[in-house]
């Protein structure tokens, strides 16, 4: 099922382009930047592509409370998906994302 989903994303020029762009951005992309990356003036296409990536868990929406633009940011799952789609080595999860065994206090 995972391979089929990745195949569908990689075959969609909008989804693969947007996923790679968000993965390559250190701060994420704002709505105008998403439209610029997709290279069209169709807000509906941008909304569709973003919703697909959000629903798959490849990106998340990060809001800023102090007036900065909200941004779409890549998740760890999205980083792995982008690496697989682009043929790059799969990044290892960060230490904070790993589950460490709990120690019982004595």
PDB file of N, CA and C in Angstrom:
ATOM      1  N   UNK A   1       0.813  -1.181   0.000  1.00  0.00           N
ATOM      2  CA  UNK A   1       0.000   0.000   0.000  1.00  0.00           C
ATOM      3  C   UNK A   1       0.872   1.266   0.000  1.00  0.00           C
ATOM      4  N   UNK A   2       1.964   1.232   0.785  1.00  0.00           N
ATOM      5  CA  UNK A   2       2.853   2.390   0.838  1.00  0.00           C
ATOM      6  C   UNK A   2       3.510   2.647  -0.515  1.00  0.00           C
ATOM      7  N   UNK A   3       3.944   1.577  -1.162  1.00  0.00           N
ATOM      8  CA  UNK A   3       4.583   1.728  -2.463  1.00  0.00           C
ATOM      9  C   UNK A   3       3.605   2.278  -3.488  1.00  0.00           C
ATOM     10  N   UNK A   4       2.360   1.829  -3.421  1.00  0.00           N
ATOM     11  CA  UNK A   4       1.343   2.319  -4.352  1.00  0.00           C
ATOM     12  C   UNK A   4       1.088   3.807  -4.132  1.00  0.00           C
ATOM     13  N   UNK A   5       1.031   4.234  -2.885  1.00  0.00           N
ATOM     14  CA  UNK A   5       0.831   5.649  -2.568  1.00  0.00           C
ATOM     15  C   UNK A   5       2.009   6.479  -3.071  1.00  0.00           C
ATOM     16  N   UNK A   6       3.222   6.009  -2.833  1.00  0.00           N
ATOM     17  CA  UNK A   6       4.404   6.733  -3.309  1.00  0.00           C
ATOM     18  C   UNK A   6       4.440   6.806  -4.833  1.00  0.00           C
ATOM     19  N   UNK A   7       4.004   5.735  -5.493  1.00  0.00           N
ATOM     20  CA  UNK A   7       3.945   5.743  -6.959  1.00  0.00           C
ATOM     21  C   UNK A   7       2.965   6.802  -7.451  1.00  0.00           C
ATOM     22  N   UNK A   8       1.806   6.882  -6.801  1.00  0.00           N
ATOM     23  CA  UNK A   8       0.805   7.873  -7.199  1.00  0.00           C
ATOM     24  C   UNK A   8       1.330   9.291  -7.003  1.00  0.00           C
ATOM     25  N   UNK A   9       2.006   9.527  -5.895  1.00  0.00           N
ATOM     26  CA  UNK A   9       2.567  10.852  -5.636  1.00  0.00           C
ATOM     27  C   UNK A   9       3.654  11.167  -6.661  1.00  0.00           C
ATOM     28  N   UNK A  10       4.513  10.204  -6.950  1.00  0.00           N
ATOM     29  CA  UNK A  10       5.616  10.464  -7.886  1.00  0.00           C
ATOM     30  C   UNK A  10       5.115  10.661  -9.312  1.00  0.00           C
ATOM     31  N   UNK A  11       3.972  10.062  -9.658  1.00  0.00           N
ATOM     32  CA  UNK A  11       3.426  10.218 -11.013  1.00  0.00           C
ATOM     33  C   UNK A  11       2.668  11.532 -11.195  1.00  0.00           C
ATOM     34  N   UNK A  12       2.324  12.184 -10.106  1.00  0.00           N
ATOM     35  CA  UNK A  12       1.633  13.467 -10.190  1.00  0.00           C
ATOM     36  C   UNK A  12       2.681  14.574 -10.219  1.00  0.00           C
ATOM     37  N   UNK A  13       2.767  15.312 -11.324  1.00  0.00           N
ATOM     38  CA  UNK A  13       3.786  16.377 -11.377  1.00  0.00           C
ATOM     39  C   UNK A  13       3.593  17.435 -10.296  1.00  0.00           C
ATOM     40  N   UNK A  14       2.352  17.734  -9.950  1.00  0.00           N
ATOM     41  CA  UNK A  14       2.107  18.745  -8.928  1.00  0.00           C
ATOM     42  C   UNK A  14       2.526  18.260  -7.541  1.00  0.00           C
ATOM     43  N   UNK A  15       2.143  17.038  -7.190  1.00  0.00           N
ATOM     44  CA  UNK A  15       2.461  16.523  -5.859  1.00  0.00           C
ATOM     45  C   UNK A  15       3.952  16.309  -5.675  1.00  0.00           C
ATOM     46  N   UNK A  16       4.601  15.705  -6.663  1.00  0.00           N
ATOM     47  CA  UNK A  16       6.038  15.439  -6.517  1.00  0.00           C
ATOM     48  C   UNK A  16       6.836  16.736  -6.507  1.00  0.00           C
ATOM     49  N   UNK A  17       6.461  17.694  -7.346  1.00  0.00           N
ATOM     50  CA  UNK A  17       7.164  18.978  -7.371  1.00  0.00           C
ATOM     51  C   UNK A  17       7.011  19.712  -6.051  1.00  0.00           C
ATOM     52  N   UNK A  18       5.780  19.750  -5.542  1.00  0.00           N
ATOM     53  CA  UNK A  18       5.531  20.453  -4.289  1.00  0.00           C
ATOM     54  C   UNK A  18       6.211  19.766  -3.114  1.00  0.00           C
ATOM     55  N   UNK A  19       6.156  18.451  -3.061  1.00  0.00           N
ATOM     56  CA  UNK A  19       6.801  17.718  -1.975  1.00  0.00           C
ATOM     57  C   UNK A  19       8.305  17.965  -1.957  1.00  0.00           C
ATOM     58  N   UNK A  20       8.930  17.913  -3.119  1.00  0.00           N
ATOM     59  CA  UNK A  20      10.374  18.159  -3.193  1.00  0.00           C
ATOM     60  C   UNK A  20      10.715  19.592  -2.810  1.00  0.00           C
ATOM     61  N   UNK A  21       9.879  20.548  -3.217  1.00  0.00           N
ATOM     62  CA  UNK A  21      10.140  21.954  -2.888  1.00  0.00           C
ATOM     63  C   UNK A  21      10.019  22.201  -1.389  1.00  0.00           C
ATOM     64  N   UNK A  22       8.996  21.631  -0.769  1.00  0.00           N
ATOM     65  CA  UNK A  22       8.830  21.814   0.679  1.00  0.00           C
ATOM     66  C   UNK A  22       9.961  21.107   1.424  1.00  0.00           C
ATOM     67  N   UNK A  23      10.360  19.942   0.948  1.00  0.00           N
ATOM     68  CA  UNK A  23      11.458  19.210   1.592  1.00  0.00           C
ATOM     69  C   UNK A  23      12.770  19.978   1.470  1.00  0.00           C
ATOM     70  N   UNK A  24      12.943  20.701   0.382  1.00  0.00           N
ATOM     71  CA  UNK A  24      14.187  21.443   0.175  1.00  0.00           C
ATOM     72  C   UNK A  24      14.220  22.800   0.846  1.00  0.00           C
ATOM     73  N   UNK A  25      13.107  23.214   1.412  1.00  0.00           N
ATOM     74  CA  UNK A  25      13.037  24.525   2.057  1.00  0.00           C
ATOM     75  C   UNK A  25      13.249  24.375   3.558  1.00  0.00           C
ATOM     76  N   UNK A  26      14.162  25.148   4.102  1.00  0.00           N
ATOM     77  CA  UNK A  26      14.445  25.035   5.533  1.00  0.00           C
ATOM     78  C   UNK A  26      13.323  25.633   6.386  1.00  0.00           C
ATOM     79  N   UNK A  27      12.612  26.626   5.865  1.00  0.00           N
ATOM     80  CA  UNK A  27      11.552  27.279   6.636  1.00  0.00           C
ATOM     81  C   UNK A  27      10.158  26.843   6.211  1.00  0.00           C
ATOM     82  N   UNK A  28      10.044  26.047   5.162  1.00  0.00           N
ATOM     83  CA  UNK A  28       8.737  25.680   4.637  1.00  0.00           C
ATOM     84  C   UNK A  28       8.293  26.686   3.591  1.00  0.00           C
ATOM     85  N   UNK A  29       7.097  26.495   3.049  1.00  0.00           N
ATOM     86  CA  UNK A  29       6.583  27.374   2.006  1.00  0.00           C
ATOM     87  C   UNK A  29       5.271  28.013   2.432  1.00  0.00           C
ATOM     88  N   UNK A  30       5.107  29.281   2.097  1.00  0.00           N
ATOM     89  CA  UNK A  30       3.844  29.977   2.340  1.00  0.00           C
ATOM     90  C   UNK A  30       2.907  29.712   1.162  1.00  0.00           C
ATOM     91  N   UNK A  31       1.657  30.132   1.272  1.00  0.00           N
ATOM     92  CA  UNK A  31       0.697  29.924   0.191  1.00  0.00           C
ATOM     93  C   UNK A  31       1.159  30.535  -1.137  1.00  0.00           C
ATOM     94  N   UNK A  32       1.641  31.799  -1.158  1.00  0.00           N
ATOM     95  CA  UNK A  32       2.104  32.351  -2.433  1.00  0.00           C
ATOM     96  C   UNK A  32       3.299  31.575  -3.005  1.00  0.00           C
ATOM     97  N   UNK A  33       4.166  31.074  -2.127  1.00  0.00           N
ATOM     98  CA  UNK A  33       5.316  30.290  -2.593  1.00  0.00           C
ATOM     99  C   UNK A  33       4.872  28.955  -3.174  1.00  0.00           C
ATOM    100  N   UNK A  34       3.815  28.353  -2.611  1.00  0.00           N
ATOM    101  CA  UNK A  34       3.271  27.109  -3.157  1.00  0.00           C
ATOM    102  C   UNK A  34       2.785  27.347  -4.580  1.00  0.00           C
ATOM    103  N   UNK A  35       2.036  28.424  -4.793  1.00  0.00           N
ATOM    104  CA  UNK A  35       1.537  28.746  -6.138  1.00  0.00           C
ATOM    105  C   UNK A  35       2.689  29.001  -7.099  1.00  0.00           C
ATOM    106  N   UNK A  36       3.730  29.661  -6.617  1.00  0.00           N
ATOM    107  CA  UNK A  36       4.898  29.939  -7.460  1.00  0.00           C
ATOM    108  C   UNK A  36       5.610  28.649  -7.856  1.00  0.00           C
ATOM    109  N   UNK A  37       5.764  27.733  -6.907  1.00  0.00           N
ATOM    110  CA  UNK A  37       6.423  26.456  -7.182  1.00  0.00           C
ATOM    111  C   UNK A  37       5.637  25.649  -8.205  1.00  0.00           C
ATOM    112  N   UNK A  38       4.313  25.659  -8.067  1.00  0.00           N
ATOM    113  CA  UNK A  38       3.477  24.901  -8.996  1.00  0.00           C
ATOM    114  C   UNK A  38       3.410  25.562 -10.364  1.00  0.00           C
ATOM    115  N   UNK A  39       3.774  26.843 -10.436  1.00  0.00           N
ATOM    116  CA  UNK A  39       3.878  27.531 -11.718  1.00  0.00           C
ATOM    117  C   UNK A  39       2.554  27.739 -12.418  1.00  0.00           C
ATOM    118  N   UNK A  40       1.509  27.959 -11.649  1.00  0.00           N
ATOM    119  CA  UNK A  40       0.219  28.233 -12.270  1.00  0.00           C
ATOM    120  C   UNK A  40      -0.513  29.279 -11.456  1.00  0.00           C
ATOM    121  N   UNK A  41      -1.586  29.763 -12.031  1.00  0.00           N
ATOM    122  CA  UNK A  41      -2.398  30.748 -11.323  1.00  0.00           C
ATOM    123  C   UNK A  41      -3.675  30.133 -10.772  1.00  0.00           C
ATOM    124  N   UNK A  42      -3.731  28.817 -10.736  1.00  0.00           N
ATOM    125  CA  UNK A  42      -4.933  28.134 -10.262  1.00  0.00           C
ATOM    126  C   UNK A  42      -4.832  27.898  -8.760  1.00  0.00           C
ATOM    127  N   UNK A  43      -5.617  28.660  -8.017  1.00  0.00           N
ATOM    128  CA  UNK A  43      -5.647  28.453  -6.577  1.00  0.00           C
ATOM    129  C   UNK A  43      -6.208  27.089  -6.221  1.00  0.00           C
ATOM    130  N   UNK A  44      -7.127  26.584  -7.064  1.00  0.00           N
ATOM    131  CA  UNK A  44      -7.732  25.284  -6.802  1.00  0.00           C
ATOM    132  C   UNK A  44      -6.710  24.161  -6.901  1.00  0.00           C
ATOM    133  N   UNK A  45      -5.807  24.241  -7.853  1.00  0.00           N
ATOM    134  CA  UNK A  45      -4.775  23.217  -7.992  1.00  0.00           C
ATOM    135  C   UNK A  45      -3.825  23.241  -6.797  1.00  0.00           C
ATOM    136  N   UNK A  46      -3.475  24.435  -6.350  1.00  0.00           N
ATOM    137  CA  UNK A  46      -2.599  24.554  -5.179  1.00  0.00           C
ATOM    138  C   UNK A  46      -3.292  23.989  -3.936  1.00  0.00           C
ATOM    139  N   UNK A  47      -4.578  24.309  -3.778  1.00  0.00           N
ATOM    140  CA  UNK A  47      -5.331  23.791  -2.631  1.00  0.00           C
ATOM    141  C   UNK A  47      -5.394  22.270  -2.687  1.00  0.00           C
ATOM    142  N   UNK A  48      -5.677  21.724  -3.868  1.00  0.00           N
ATOM    143  CA  UNK A  48      -5.764  20.270  -4.024  1.00  0.00           C
ATOM    144  C   UNK A  48      -4.435  19.604  -3.654  1.00  0.00           C
ATOM    145  N   UNK A  49      -3.325  20.128  -4.179  1.00  0.00           N
ATOM    146  CA  UNK A  49      -2.016  19.513  -3.931  1.00  0.00           C
ATOM    147  C   UNK A  49      -1.656  19.573  -2.453  1.00  0.00           C
ATOM    148  N   UNK A  50      -1.895  20.716  -1.829  1.00  0.00           N
ATOM    149  CA  UNK A  50      -1.578  20.869  -0.406  1.00  0.00           C
ATOM    150  C   UNK A  50      -2.439  19.935   0.435  1.00  0.00           C
ATOM    151  N   UNK A  51      -3.723  19.840   0.122  1.00  0.00           N
ATOM    152  CA  UNK A  51      -4.606  18.947   0.887  1.00  0.00           C
ATOM    153  C   UNK A  51      -4.174  17.489   0.764  1.00  0.00           C
ATOM    154  N   UNK A  52      -3.746  17.095  -0.424  1.00  0.00           N
ATOM    155  CA  UNK A  52      -3.279  15.716  -0.602  1.00  0.00           C
ATOM    156  C   UNK A  52      -2.071  15.441   0.287  1.00  0.00           C
ATOM    157  N   UNK A  53      -1.084  16.345   0.277  1.00  0.00           N
ATOM    158  CA  UNK A  53       0.128  16.149   1.080  1.00  0.00           C
ATOM    159  C   UNK A  53      -0.171  16.220   2.576  1.00  0.00           C
ATOM    160  N   UNK A  54      -1.092  17.102   2.969  1.00  0.00           N
ATOM    161  CA  UNK A  54      -1.495  17.175   4.381  1.00  0.00           C
ATOM    162  C   UNK A  54      -2.179  15.886   4.822  1.00  0.00           C
ATOM    163  N   UNK A  55      -3.082  15.374   3.989  1.00  0.00           N
ATOM    164  CA  UNK A  55      -3.830  14.178   4.376  1.00  0.00           C
ATOM    165  C   UNK A  55      -2.949  12.936   4.436  1.00  0.00           C
ATOM    166  N   UNK A  56      -1.880  12.915   3.644  1.00  0.00           N
ATOM    167  CA  UNK A  56      -0.942  11.794   3.689  1.00  0.00           C
ATOM    168  C   UNK A  56       0.033  11.908   4.861  1.00  0.00           C
ATOM    169  N   UNK A  57       0.066  13.063   5.504  1.00  0.00           N
ATOM    170  CA  UNK A  57       0.979  13.270   6.626  1.00  0.00           C
ATOM    171  C   UNK A  57       2.382  13.646   6.192  1.00  0.00           C
ATOM    172  N   UNK A  58       2.544  14.047   4.920  1.00  0.00           N
ATOM    173  CA  UNK A  58       3.870  14.414   4.411  1.00  0.00           C
ATOM    174  C   UNK A  58       4.249  15.837   4.784  1.00  0.00           C
ATOM    175  N   UNK A  59       3.263  16.698   4.992  1.00  0.00           N
ATOM    176  CA  UNK A  59       3.520  18.074   5.414  1.00  0.00           C
ATOM    177  C   UNK A  59       2.562  18.429   6.542  1.00  0.00           C
ATOM    178  N   UNK A  60       2.890  19.491   7.244  1.00  0.00           N
ATOM    179  CA  UNK A  60       2.019  20.022   8.286  1.00  0.00           C
ATOM    180  C   UNK A  60       1.960  21.531   8.099  1.00  0.00           C
ATOM    181  N   UNK A  61       0.941  22.148   8.650  1.00  0.00           N
ATOM    182  CA  UNK A  61       0.749  23.586   8.515  1.00  0.00           C
ATOM    183  C   UNK A  61       1.181  24.251   9.800  1.00  0.00           C
ATOM    184  N   UNK A  62       2.176  25.119   9.713  1.00  0.00           N
ATOM    185  CA  UNK A  62       2.734  25.783  10.892  1.00  0.00           C
ATOM    186  C   UNK A  62       2.285  27.237  10.890  1.00  0.00           C
ATOM    187  N   UNK A  63       1.549  27.612  11.907  1.00  0.00           N
ATOM    188  CA  UNK A  63       1.087  28.998  11.996  1.00  0.00           C
ATOM    189  C   UNK A  63       2.008  29.802  12.894  1.00  0.00           C
ATOM    190  N   UNK A  64       2.123  31.079  12.581  1.00  0.00           N
ATOM    191  CA  UNK A  64       2.934  31.989  13.376  1.00  0.00           C
ATOM    192  C   UNK A  64       1.994  32.990  14.035  1.00  0.00           C
ATOM    193  N   UNK A  65       2.090  33.112  15.322  1.00  0.00           N
ATOM    194  CA  UNK A  65       1.169  33.967  16.064  1.00  0.00           C
ATOM    195  C   UNK A  65       1.548  35.443  16.030  1.00  0.00           C
ATOM    196  N   UNK A  66       2.690  35.788  15.489  1.00  0.00           N
ATOM    197  CA  UNK A  66       3.158  37.167  15.556  1.00  0.00           C
ATOM    198  C   UNK A  66       3.229  37.832  14.191  1.00  0.00           C
ATOM    199  N   UNK A  67       2.324  37.475  13.291  1.00  0.00           N
ATOM    200  CA  UNK A  67       2.199  38.184  12.035  1.00  0.00           C
ATOM    201  C   UNK A  67       3.006  37.663  10.865  1.00  0.00           C
ATOM    202  N   UNK A  68       3.868  36.708  11.076  1.00  0.00           N
ATOM    203  CA  UNK A  68       4.607  36.133   9.959  1.00  0.00           C
ATOM    204  C   UNK A  68       3.686  35.220   9.161  1.00  0.00           C
ATOM    205  N   UNK A  69       4.060  34.953   7.931  1.00  0.00           N
ATOM    206  CA  UNK A  69       3.242  34.082   7.079  1.00  0.00           C
ATOM    207  C   UNK A  69       3.248  32.658   7.626  1.00  0.00           C
ATOM    208  N   UNK A  70       2.084  32.026   7.602  1.00  0.00           N
ATOM    209  CA  UNK A  70       2.006  30.607   7.959  1.00  0.00           C
ATOM    210  C   UNK A  70       2.667  29.807   6.852  1.00  0.00           C
ATOM    211  N   UNK A  71       3.188  28.638   7.211  1.00  0.00           N
ATOM    212  CA  UNK A  71       3.969  27.874   6.236  1.00  0.00           C
ATOM    213  C   UNK A  71       3.636  26.395   6.292  1.00  0.00           C
ATOM    214  N   UNK A  72       3.803  25.755   5.143  1.00  0.00           N
ATOM    215  CA  UNK A  72       3.713  24.303   5.049  1.00  0.00           C
ATOM    216  C   UNK A  72       5.117  23.758   5.265  1.00  0.00           C
ATOM    217  N   UNK A  73       5.259  22.870   6.258  1.00  0.00           N
ATOM    218  CA  UNK A  73       6.566  22.353   6.665  1.00  0.00           C
ATOM    219  C   UNK A  73       6.572  20.835   6.481  1.00  0.00           C
ATOM    220  N   UNK A  74       7.688  20.309   6.053  1.00  0.00           N
ATOM    221  CA  UNK A  74       7.832  18.868   5.812  1.00  0.00           C
ATOM    222  C   UNK A  74       7.864  18.118   7.148  1.00  0.00           C
ATOM    223  N   UNK A  75       7.262  16.938   7.173  1.00  0.00           N
ATOM    224  CA  UNK A  75       7.321  16.066   8.353  1.00  0.00           C
ATOM    225  C   UNK A  75       8.413  15.010   8.126  1.00  0.00           C
ATOM    226  N   UNK A  76       8.713  14.233   9.140  1.00  0.00           N
ATOM    227  CA  UNK A  76       9.694  13.157   8.974  1.00  0.00           C
ATOM    228  C   UNK A  76       9.230  12.153   7.927  1.00  0.00           C
ATOM    229  N   UNK A  77       7.937  11.847   7.948  1.00  0.00           N
ATOM    230  CA  UNK A  77       7.382  10.942   6.938  1.00  0.00           C
ATOM    231  C   UNK A  77       7.538  11.543   5.536  1.00  0.00           C
ATOM    232  N   UNK A  78       7.293  12.842   5.427  1.00  0.00           N
ATOM    233  CA  UNK A  78       7.450  13.525   4.152  1.00  0.00           C
ATOM    234  C   UNK A  78       8.892  13.535   3.676  1.00  0.00           C
ATOM    235  N   UNK A  79       9.839  13.672   4.611  1.00  0.00           N
ATOM    236  CA  UNK A  79      11.261  13.626   4.247  1.00  0.00           C
ATOM    237  C   UNK A  79      11.620  12.270   3.664  1.00  0.00           C
ATOM    238  N   UNK A  80      11.117  11.213   4.302  1.00  0.00           N
ATOM    239  CA  UNK A  80      11.398   9.869   3.785  1.00  0.00           C
ATOM    240  C   UNK A  80      10.741   9.654   2.430  1.00  0.00           C
ATOM    241  N   UNK A  81       9.507  10.127   2.277  1.00  0.00           N
ATOM    242  CA  UNK A  81       8.806   9.978   0.995  1.00  0.00           C
ATOM    243  C   UNK A  81       9.519  10.749  -0.111  1.00  0.00           C
ATOM    244  N   UNK A  82       9.945  11.974   0.175  1.00  0.00           N
ATOM    245  CA  UNK A  82      10.652  12.780  -0.822  1.00  0.00           C
ATOM    246  C   UNK A  82      11.967  12.122  -1.218  1.00  0.00           C
ATOM    247  N   UNK A  83      12.655  11.540  -0.247  1.00  0.00           N
ATOM    248  CA  UNK A  83      13.916  10.858  -0.545  1.00  0.00           C
ATOM    249  C   UNK A  83      13.679   9.644  -1.436  1.00  0.00           C
ATOM    250  N   UNK A  84      12.651   8.880  -1.151  1.00  0.00           N
ATOM    251  CA  UNK A  84      12.344   7.691  -1.961  1.00  0.00           C
ATOM    252  C   UNK A  84      11.950   8.100  -3.369  1.00  0.00           C
ATOM    253  N   UNK A  85      11.101   9.114  -3.500  1.00  0.00           N
ATOM    254  CA  UNK A  85      10.634   9.561  -4.809  1.00  0.00           C
ATOM    255  C   UNK A  85      11.783  10.107  -5.650  1.00  0.00           C
ATOM    256  N   UNK A  86      12.697  10.836  -5.014  1.00  0.00           N
ATOM    257  CA  UNK A  86      13.806  11.433  -5.760  1.00  0.00           C
ATOM    258  C   UNK A  86      15.003  10.497  -5.901  1.00  0.00           C
ATOM    259  N   UNK A  87      14.942   9.320  -5.277  1.00  0.00           N
ATOM    260  CA  UNK A  87      16.032   8.354  -5.393  1.00  0.00           C
ATOM    261  C   UNK A  87      17.219   8.639  -4.488  1.00  0.00           C
ATOM    262  N   UNK A  88      17.025   9.489  -3.501  1.00  0.00           N
ATOM    263  CA  UNK A  88      18.083   9.828  -2.552  1.00  0.00           C
ATOM    264  C   UNK A  88      18.083   8.829  -1.394  1.00  0.00           C
ATOM    265  N   UNK A  89      19.182   8.759  -0.641  1.00  0.00           N
ATOM    266  CA  UNK A  89      19.182   7.891   0.541  1.00  0.00           C
ATOM    267  C   UNK A  89      18.119   8.365   1.539  1.00  0.00           C
ATOM    268  N   UNK A  90      17.471   7.422   2.175  1.00  0.00           N
ATOM    269  CA  UNK A  90      16.420   7.740   3.137  1.00  0.00           C
ATOM    270  C   UNK A  90      17.041   8.317   4.397  1.00  0.00           C
ATOM    271  N   UNK A  91      16.573   9.517   4.833  1.00  0.00           N
ATOM    272  CA  UNK A  91      17.130  10.106   6.058  1.00  0.00           C
ATOM    273  C   UNK A  91      16.730   9.295   7.280  1.00  0.00           C
ATOM    274  N   UNK A  92      17.625   9.268   8.244  1.00  0.00           N
ATOM    275  CA  UNK A  92      17.335   8.562   9.489  1.00  0.00           C
ATOM    276  C   UNK A  92      16.498   9.460  10.383  1.00  0.00           C
ATOM    277  N   UNK A  93      15.600   8.880  11.194  1.00  0.00           N
ATOM    278  CA  UNK A  93      14.797   9.710  12.101  1.00  0.00           C
ATOM    279  C   UNK A  93      15.694  10.404  13.121  1.00  0.00           C
ATOM    280  N   UNK A  94      15.265  11.601  13.519  1.00  0.00           N
ATOM    281  CA  UNK A  94      16.022  12.340  14.524  1.00  0.00           C
ATOM    282  C   UNK A  94      15.909  11.644  15.878  1.00  0.00           C
ATOM    283  N   UNK A  95      16.883  11.867  16.730  1.00  0.00           N
ATOM    284  CA  UNK A  95      16.909  11.223  18.040  1.00  0.00           C
ATOM    285  C   UNK A  95      15.652  11.547  18.839  1.00  0.00           C
ATOM    286  N   UNK A  96      15.144  12.766  18.705  1.00  0.00           N
ATOM    287  CA  UNK A  96      13.951  13.138  19.466  1.00  0.00           C
ATOM    288  C   UNK A  96      12.731  12.361  19.003  1.00  0.00           C
ATOM    289  N   UNK A  97      12.746  11.824  17.779  1.00  0.00           N
ATOM    290  CA  UNK A  97      11.614  11.083  17.247  1.00  0.00           C
ATOM    291  C   UNK A  97      11.675   9.604  17.610  1.00  0.00           C
ATOM    292  N   UNK A  98      12.820   9.138  18.075  1.00  0.00           N
ATOM    293  CA  UNK A  98      12.957   7.724  18.416  1.00  0.00           C
ATOM    294  C   UNK A  98      12.323   7.442  19.772  1.00  0.00           C
ATOM    295  N   UNK A  99      11.808   6.273  19.903  1.00  0.00           N
ATOM    296  CA  UNK A  99      11.227   5.864  21.187  1.00  0.00           C
ATOM    297  C   UNK A  99      12.327   5.219  22.022  1.00  0.00           C
ATOM    298  N   UNK A 100      12.616   5.843  23.150  1.00  0.00           N
ATOM    299  CA  UNK A 100      13.646   5.317  24.023  1.00  0.00           C
ATOM    300  C   UNK A 100      12.977   4.504  25.132  1.00  0.00           C
ATOM    301  N   UNK A 101      13.622   3.436  25.567  1.00  0.00           N
ATOM    302  CA  UNK A 101      13.028   2.645  26.637  1.00  0.00           C
ATOM    303  C   UNK A 101      12.923   3.460  27.923  1.00  0.00           C
ATOM    304  N   UNK A 102      11.815   3.271  28.609  1.00  0.00           N
ATOM    305  CA  UNK A 102      11.599   3.987  29.877  1.00  0.00           C
ATOM    306  C   UNK A 102      12.307   3.248  30.995  1.00  0.00           C
ATOM    307  N   UNK A 103      12.948   4.010  31.870  1.00  0.00           N
ATOM    308  CA  UNK A 103      13.608   3.398  33.010  1.00  0.00           C
ATOM    309  C   UNK A 103      12.770   3.674  34.253  1.00  0.00           C
ATOM    310  N   UNK A 104      12.611   2.655  35.050  1.00  0.00           N
ATOM    311  CA  UNK A 104      11.855   2.798  36.285  1.00  0.00           C
ATOM    312  C   UNK A 104      12.763   3.326  37.385  1.00  0.00           C
ATOM    313  N   UNK A 105      12.302   4.359  38.094  1.00  0.00           N
ATOM    314  CA  UNK A 105      13.118   4.864  39.217  1.00  0.00           C
ATOM    315  C   UNK A 105      13.168   3.824  40.326  1.00  0.00           C
ATOM    316  N   UNK A 106      14.295   3.744  40.990  1.00  0.00           N
ATOM    317  CA  UNK A 106      14.469   2.757  42.054  1.00  0.00           C
ATOM    318  C   UNK A 106      14.165   3.339  43.393  1.00  0.00           C
TER     319      UNK A 106
END
